Amino acid sequence: MANVAYYRVSTKQQTIENQRLEIKSAYNVDHEFFDESTSGSVKTSSRQGFHEMEQFIRNGDNLIVADLDRLGRSALDVQESISRFQKKGVNIIVTRLGIDLSTDVGSLVATILSKIAELERSKILERANSGRARAKAQGAVFGRPKVAEPSEVKQLRGQGLSIHDVAKKLSISPATVKRYQKL
């Protein structure tokens, strides 16, 4: 079992030293990973230090972070990180909250986070659906634009053009020509 610390700061003006001192004053750290000048808006999987730590950490290890937001850019991202680590058998310790997510209290916090993430997903979906409905009401057309109409294909075929010639003329595949002929 190893104690693995992960630190992240958002700007070049910040340093990881405060997080490092805080964690090392409470835990013997075996391995450290960090991302400096990495905005919280960057998805965790895109952060080099986080990715390396995630590849390194093993079942039974403790992942120690100063704050929960070190694990993700949003409640949803944090919850996804927690879930991935828990599936690996990794204990997550958040020093500023004073919790170990593998304990009963930690489990409660994880459950609350999961509900927050669920609410966030629901709100995102609601806003997306609302935006689509508004755009549709204003005449927006969704989906890939049709390059040719079935009637156009049938007309050209009726004029004696081959499937290949129709496909070439309309910039569609021969399979699309055949499919449109059946409609």
C-alpha atoms as a PDB file:
ATOM      1  CA  MET A   1       0.000   0.000   0.000  1.00  0.00           C
ATOM      2  CA  ALA A   2       1.443   3.331  -1.099  1.00  0.00           C
ATOM      3  CA  ASN A   3       0.455   6.877  -0.253  1.00  0.00           C
ATOM      4  CA  VAL A   4       0.229   8.759  -3.537  1.00  0.00           C
ATOM      5  CA  ALA A   5      -0.198  12.544  -3.522  1.00  0.00           C
ATOM      6  CA  TYR A   6      -1.575  14.554  -6.413  1.00  0.00           C
ATOM      7  CA  TYR A   7      -1.214  18.343  -6.603  1.00  0.00           C
ATOM      8  CA  ARG A   8      -2.573  20.809  -9.147  1.00  0.00           C
ATOM      9  CA  VAL A   9      -2.358  24.580  -9.531  1.00  0.00           C
ATOM     10  CA  SER A  10      -4.041  26.647 -12.217  1.00  0.00           C
ATOM     11  CA  THR A  11      -1.595  29.458 -12.935  1.00  0.00           C
ATOM     12  CA  LYS A  12       2.150  30.059 -13.166  1.00  0.00           C
ATOM     13  CA  GLN A  13       1.877  32.468 -10.230  1.00  0.00           C
ATOM     14  CA  GLN A  14       0.759  29.616  -7.957  1.00  0.00           C
ATOM     15  CA  THR A  15       2.893  26.783  -6.633  1.00  0.00           C
ATOM     16  CA  ILE A  16       2.078  23.314  -5.402  1.00  0.00           C
ATOM     17  CA  GLU A  17       4.085  23.927  -2.206  1.00  0.00           C
ATOM     18  CA  ASN A  18       1.100  24.748   0.032  1.00  0.00           C
ATOM     19  CA  GLN A  19      -0.677  21.562  -1.023  1.00  0.00           C
ATOM     20  CA  ARG A  20       2.552  19.571  -0.647  1.00  0.00           C
ATOM     21  CA  LEU A  21       3.234  20.925   2.874  1.00  0.00           C
ATOM     22  CA  GLU A  22      -0.347  20.331   3.964  1.00  0.00           C
ATOM     23  CA  ILE A  23      -0.390  16.732   2.759  1.00  0.00           C
ATOM     24  CA  LYS A  24       3.140  15.865   3.906  1.00  0.00           C
ATOM     25  CA  SER A  25       2.457  17.250   7.394  1.00  0.00           C
ATOM     26  CA  ALA A  26      -0.292  14.655   7.823  1.00  0.00           C
ATOM     27  CA  TYR A  27       0.901  11.703   5.696  1.00  0.00           C
ATOM     28  CA  ASN A  28       4.082   9.914   4.688  1.00  0.00           C
ATOM     29  CA  VAL A  29       3.972  10.320   0.928  1.00  0.00           C
ATOM     30  CA  ASP A  30       5.594   7.587  -1.156  1.00  0.00           C
ATOM     31  CA  HIS A  31       4.958   9.055  -4.623  1.00  0.00           C
ATOM     32  CA  GLU A  32       3.995  12.489  -5.915  1.00  0.00           C
ATOM     33  CA  PHE A  33       2.345  13.578  -9.153  1.00  0.00           C
ATOM     34  CA  PHE A  34       1.420  17.112 -10.131  1.00  0.00           C
ATOM     35  CA  ASP A  35       0.130  19.415 -12.832  1.00  0.00           C
ATOM     36  CA  GLU A  36       1.284  23.029 -12.717  1.00  0.00           C
ATOM     37  CA  SER A  37      -0.355  25.861 -14.655  1.00  0.00           C
ATOM     38  CA  THR A  38      -3.267  23.578 -15.517  1.00  0.00           C
ATOM     39  CA  SER A  39      -6.681  25.181 -15.382  1.00  0.00           C
ATOM     40  CA  GLY A  40      -9.496  23.386 -13.611  1.00  0.00           C
ATOM     41  CA  SER A  41     -11.403  23.654 -16.884  1.00  0.00           C
ATOM     42  CA  VAL A  42      -9.044  21.090 -18.455  1.00  0.00           C
ATOM     43  CA  LYS A  43     -10.561  17.623 -18.145  1.00  0.00           C
ATOM     44  CA  THR A  44      -8.615  15.419 -15.734  1.00  0.00           C
ATOM     45  CA  SER A  45      -7.870  12.804 -18.383  1.00  0.00           C
ATOM     46  CA  SER A  46      -6.087  15.508 -20.418  1.00  0.00           C
ATOM     47  CA  ARG A  47      -3.697  16.428 -17.597  1.00  0.00           C
ATOM     48  CA  GLN A  48      -0.332  14.718 -17.940  1.00  0.00           C
ATOM     49  CA  GLY A  49       0.431  14.395 -14.217  1.00  0.00           C
ATOM     50  CA  PHE A  50      -3.052  13.136 -13.408  1.00  0.00           C
ATOM     51  CA  HIS A  51      -2.895  10.615 -16.246  1.00  0.00           C
ATOM     52  CA  GLU A  52       0.520   9.342 -15.073  1.00  0.00           C
ATOM     53  CA  MET A  53      -0.764   9.054 -11.498  1.00  0.00           C
ATOM     54  CA  GLU A  54      -3.856   7.174 -12.642  1.00  0.00           C
ATOM     55  CA  GLN A  55      -1.666   4.701 -14.549  1.00  0.00           C
ATOM     56  CA  PHE A  56       0.652   4.272 -11.541  1.00  0.00           C
ATOM     57  CA  ILE A  57      -1.806   3.905  -8.658  1.00  0.00           C
ATOM     58  CA  ARG A  58      -2.863   0.373  -7.643  1.00  0.00           C
ATOM     59  CA  ASN A  59      -5.449  -1.504  -5.590  1.00  0.00           C
ATOM     60  CA  GLY A  60      -4.990  -0.728  -1.891  1.00  0.00           C
ATOM     61  CA  ASP A  61      -3.099   2.537  -2.467  1.00  0.00           C
ATOM     62  CA  ASN A  62      -4.203   5.827  -0.925  1.00  0.00           C
ATOM     63  CA  LEU A  63      -4.676   8.812  -3.222  1.00  0.00           C
ATOM     64  CA  ILE A  64      -4.241  11.977  -1.187  1.00  0.00           C
ATOM     65  CA  VAL A  65      -5.410  15.368  -2.476  1.00  0.00           C
ATOM     66  CA  ALA A  66      -5.758  18.698  -0.698  1.00  0.00           C
ATOM     67  CA  ASP A  67      -9.175  19.528  -2.160  1.00  0.00           C
ATOM     68  CA  LEU A  68     -11.871  17.597  -3.961  1.00  0.00           C
ATOM     69  CA  ASP A  69     -11.609  19.928  -6.967  1.00  0.00           C
ATOM     70  CA  ARG A  70      -8.121  18.536  -7.635  1.00  0.00           C
ATOM     71  CA  LEU A  71      -9.936  15.443  -8.972  1.00  0.00           C
ATOM     72  CA  GLY A  72     -11.962  17.213 -11.644  1.00  0.00           C
ATOM     73  CA  ARG A  73     -13.260  20.330 -13.310  1.00  0.00           C
ATOM     74  CA  SER A  74     -16.916  19.815 -12.373  1.00  0.00           C
ATOM     75  CA  ALA A  75     -19.004  17.753  -9.976  1.00  0.00           C
ATOM     76  CA  LEU A  76     -19.540  15.267 -12.777  1.00  0.00           C
ATOM     77  CA  ASP A  77     -15.821  15.050 -13.577  1.00  0.00           C
ATOM     78  CA  VAL A  78     -14.977  14.642  -9.862  1.00  0.00           C
ATOM     79  CA  GLN A  79     -17.559  11.882  -9.468  1.00  0.00           C
ATOM     80  CA  GLU A  80     -16.244  10.064 -12.541  1.00  0.00           C
ATOM     81  CA  SER A  81     -12.702  10.228 -11.114  1.00  0.00           C
ATOM     82  CA  ILE A  82     -13.879   8.947  -7.732  1.00  0.00           C
ATOM     83  CA  SER A  83     -15.748   6.104  -9.392  1.00  0.00           C
ATOM     84  CA  ARG A  84     -12.705   5.079 -11.481  1.00  0.00           C
ATOM     85  CA  PHE A  85     -10.453   5.051  -8.416  1.00  0.00           C
ATOM     86  CA  GLN A  86     -12.966   3.159  -6.278  1.00  0.00           C
ATOM     87  CA  LYS A  87     -13.290   0.495  -8.996  1.00  0.00           C
ATOM     88  CA  LYS A  88      -9.499   0.138  -8.860  1.00  0.00           C
ATOM     89  CA  GLY A  89      -9.657  -0.324  -5.076  1.00  0.00           C
ATOM     90  CA  VAL A  90      -7.963   3.014  -4.348  1.00  0.00           C
ATOM     91  CA  ASN A  91      -8.803   4.938  -1.149  1.00  0.00           C
ATOM     92  CA  ILE A  92      -9.214   8.672  -1.694  1.00  0.00           C
ATOM     93  CA  ILE A  93      -8.279  11.039   1.125  1.00  0.00           C
ATOM     94  CA  VAL A  94      -9.193  14.740   0.935  1.00  0.00           C
ATOM     95  CA  THR A  95      -7.149  16.615   3.538  1.00  0.00           C
ATOM     96  CA  ARG A  96      -9.056  19.925   3.624  1.00  0.00           C
ATOM     97  CA  LEU A  97     -12.351  18.094   4.097  1.00  0.00           C
ATOM     98  CA  GLY A  98     -10.721  15.739   6.573  1.00  0.00           C
ATOM     99  CA  ILE A  99     -12.324  12.689   4.974  1.00  0.00           C
ATOM    100  CA  ASP A 100     -11.355   9.347   3.539  1.00  0.00           C
ATOM    101  CA  LEU A 101     -13.896   8.446   0.868  1.00  0.00           C
ATOM    102  CA  SER A 102     -13.602   4.756   1.819  1.00  0.00           C
ATOM    103  CA  THR A 103     -15.132   5.420   5.274  1.00  0.00           C
ATOM    104  CA  ASP A 104     -18.860   5.681   6.040  1.00  0.00           C
ATOM    105  CA  VAL A 105     -18.694   9.486   6.115  1.00  0.00           C
ATOM    106  CA  GLY A 106     -16.604   9.475   2.961  1.00  0.00           C
ATOM    107  CA  SER A 107     -19.101   7.163   1.322  1.00  0.00           C
ATOM    108  CA  LEU A 108     -21.878   9.586   2.254  1.00  0.00           C
ATOM    109  CA  VAL A 109     -19.926  12.446   0.680  1.00  0.00           C
ATOM    110  CA  ALA A 110     -19.409  10.332  -2.464  1.00  0.00           C
ATOM    111  CA  THR A 111     -23.161   9.609  -2.563  1.00  0.00           C
ATOM    112  CA  ILE A 112     -23.987  13.297  -2.233  1.00  0.00           C
ATOM    113  CA  LEU A 113     -21.478  14.062  -4.974  1.00  0.00           C
ATOM    114  CA  SER A 114     -23.073  11.463  -7.180  1.00  0.00           C
ATOM    115  CA  LYS A 115     -26.483  13.093  -6.684  1.00  0.00           C
ATOM    116  CA  ILE A 116     -24.973  16.478  -7.488  1.00  0.00           C
ATOM    117  CA  ALA A 117     -23.450  14.990 -10.647  1.00  0.00           C
ATOM    118  CA  GLU A 118     -26.811  13.465 -11.562  1.00  0.00           C
ATOM    119  CA  LEU A 119     -28.467  16.860 -11.086  1.00  0.00           C
ATOM    120  CA  GLU A 120     -25.761  18.505 -13.202  1.00  0.00           C
ATOM    121  CA  ARG A 121     -26.262  15.950 -16.002  1.00  0.00           C
ATOM    122  CA  SER A 122     -30.014  16.509 -15.814  1.00  0.00           C
ATOM    123  CA  LYS A 123     -29.610  20.297 -16.015  1.00  0.00           C
ATOM    124  CA  ILE A 124     -27.237  19.997 -18.993  1.00  0.00           C
ATOM    125  CA  LEU A 125     -29.709  17.743 -20.801  1.00  0.00           C
ATOM    126  CA  GLU A 126     -32.593  20.084 -19.967  1.00  0.00           C
ATOM    127  CA  ARG A 127     -30.707  23.119 -21.324  1.00  0.00           C
ATOM    128  CA  ALA A 128     -29.666  21.236 -24.468  1.00  0.00           C
ATOM    129  CA  ASN A 129     -33.235  20.076 -25.150  1.00  0.00           C
ATOM    130  CA  SER A 130     -34.569  23.568 -24.517  1.00  0.00           C
ATOM    131  CA  GLY A 131     -31.999  25.063 -26.898  1.00  0.00           C
ATOM    132  CA  ARG A 132     -32.811  22.485 -29.590  1.00  0.00           C
ATOM    133  CA  ALA A 133     -36.546  23.120 -29.244  1.00  0.00           C
ATOM    134  CA  ARG A 134     -36.019  26.888 -29.494  1.00  0.00           C
ATOM    135  CA  ALA A 135     -33.771  26.496 -32.555  1.00  0.00           C
ATOM    136  CA  LYS A 136     -36.254  24.130 -34.201  1.00  0.00           C
ATOM    137  CA  ALA A 137     -39.095  26.608 -33.550  1.00  0.00           C
ATOM    138  CA  GLN A 138     -36.985  29.248 -35.301  1.00  0.00           C
ATOM    139  CA  GLY A 139     -36.619  27.003 -38.340  1.00  0.00           C
ATOM    140  CA  ALA A 140     -33.274  25.324 -37.718  1.00  0.00           C
ATOM    141  CA  VAL A 141     -32.829  21.973 -39.408  1.00  0.00           C
ATOM    142  CA  PHE A 142     -30.962  19.237 -37.545  1.00  0.00           C
ATOM    143  CA  GLY A 143     -29.019  16.319 -38.863  1.00  0.00           C
ATOM    144  CA  ARG A 144     -26.826  15.916 -41.857  1.00  0.00           C
ATOM    145  CA  PRO A 145     -28.037  17.814 -44.920  1.00  0.00           C
ATOM    146  CA  LYS A 146     -29.275  15.675 -47.783  1.00  0.00           C
ATOM    147  CA  VAL A 147     -27.119  15.972 -50.860  1.00  0.00           C
ATOM    148  CA  ALA A 148     -29.770  14.540 -53.143  1.00  0.00           C
ATOM    149  CA  GLU A 149     -33.467  13.806 -53.049  1.00  0.00           C
ATOM    150  CA  PRO A 150     -34.850  10.357 -53.920  1.00  0.00           C
ATOM    151  CA  SER A 151     -37.004  11.953 -56.633  1.00  0.00           C
ATOM    152  CA  GLU A 152     -33.893  13.427 -58.232  1.00  0.00           C
ATOM    153  CA  VAL A 153     -32.209  10.001 -58.267  1.00  0.00           C
ATOM    154  CA  LYS A 154     -35.309   8.374 -59.785  1.00  0.00           C
ATOM    155  CA  GLN A 155     -35.549  11.087 -62.451  1.00  0.00           C
ATOM    156  CA  LEU A 156     -31.906  10.649 -63.535  1.00  0.00           C
ATOM    157  CA  ARG A 157     -32.227   6.874 -63.549  1.00  0.00           C
ATOM    158  CA  GLY A 158     -35.391   7.297 -65.631  1.00  0.00           C
ATOM    159  CA  GLN A 159     -33.329   9.246 -68.152  1.00  0.00           C
ATOM    160  CA  GLY A 160     -31.154   6.156 -68.584  1.00  0.00           C
ATOM    161  CA  LEU A 161     -28.128   7.150 -66.499  1.00  0.00           C
ATOM    162  CA  SER A 162     -26.293   4.278 -64.819  1.00  0.00           C
ATOM    163  CA  ILE A 163     -26.112   3.948 -61.035  1.00  0.00           C
ATOM    164  CA  HIS A 164     -22.456   4.961 -61.193  1.00  0.00           C
ATOM    165  CA  ASP A 165     -23.200   8.034 -63.353  1.00  0.00           C
ATOM    166  CA  VAL A 166     -26.038   9.169 -61.068  1.00  0.00           C
ATOM    167  CA  ALA A 167     -23.808   8.718 -58.017  1.00  0.00           C
ATOM    168  CA  LYS A 168     -21.040  10.745 -59.629  1.00  0.00           C
ATOM    169  CA  LYS A 169     -23.388  13.515 -60.819  1.00  0.00           C
ATOM    170  CA  LEU A 170     -25.032  13.927 -57.385  1.00  0.00           C
ATOM    171  CA  SER A 171     -21.852  13.305 -55.333  1.00  0.00           C
ATOM    172  CA  ILE A 172     -23.397  10.385 -53.481  1.00  0.00           C
ATOM    173  CA  SER A 173     -22.413   6.745 -53.207  1.00  0.00           C
ATOM    174  CA  PRO A 174     -23.790   4.048 -55.522  1.00  0.00           C
ATOM    175  CA  ALA A 175     -25.311   2.432 -52.414  1.00  0.00           C
ATOM    176  CA  THR A 176     -27.285   5.627 -51.750  1.00  0.00           C
ATOM    177  CA  VAL A 177     -28.510   5.645 -55.362  1.00  0.00           C
ATOM    178  CA  LYS A 178     -29.748   2.053 -54.940  1.00  0.00           C
ATOM    179  CA  ARG A 179     -31.387   2.868 -51.601  1.00  0.00           C
ATOM    180  CA  TYR A 180     -33.141   5.954 -53.018  1.00  0.00           C
ATOM    181  CA  GLN A 181     -34.451   3.943 -55.963  1.00  0.00           C
ATOM    182  CA  LYS A 182     -36.277   1.626 -53.544  1.00  0.00           C
ATOM    183  CA  LEU A 183     -38.093   4.509 -51.819  1.00  0.00           C
END
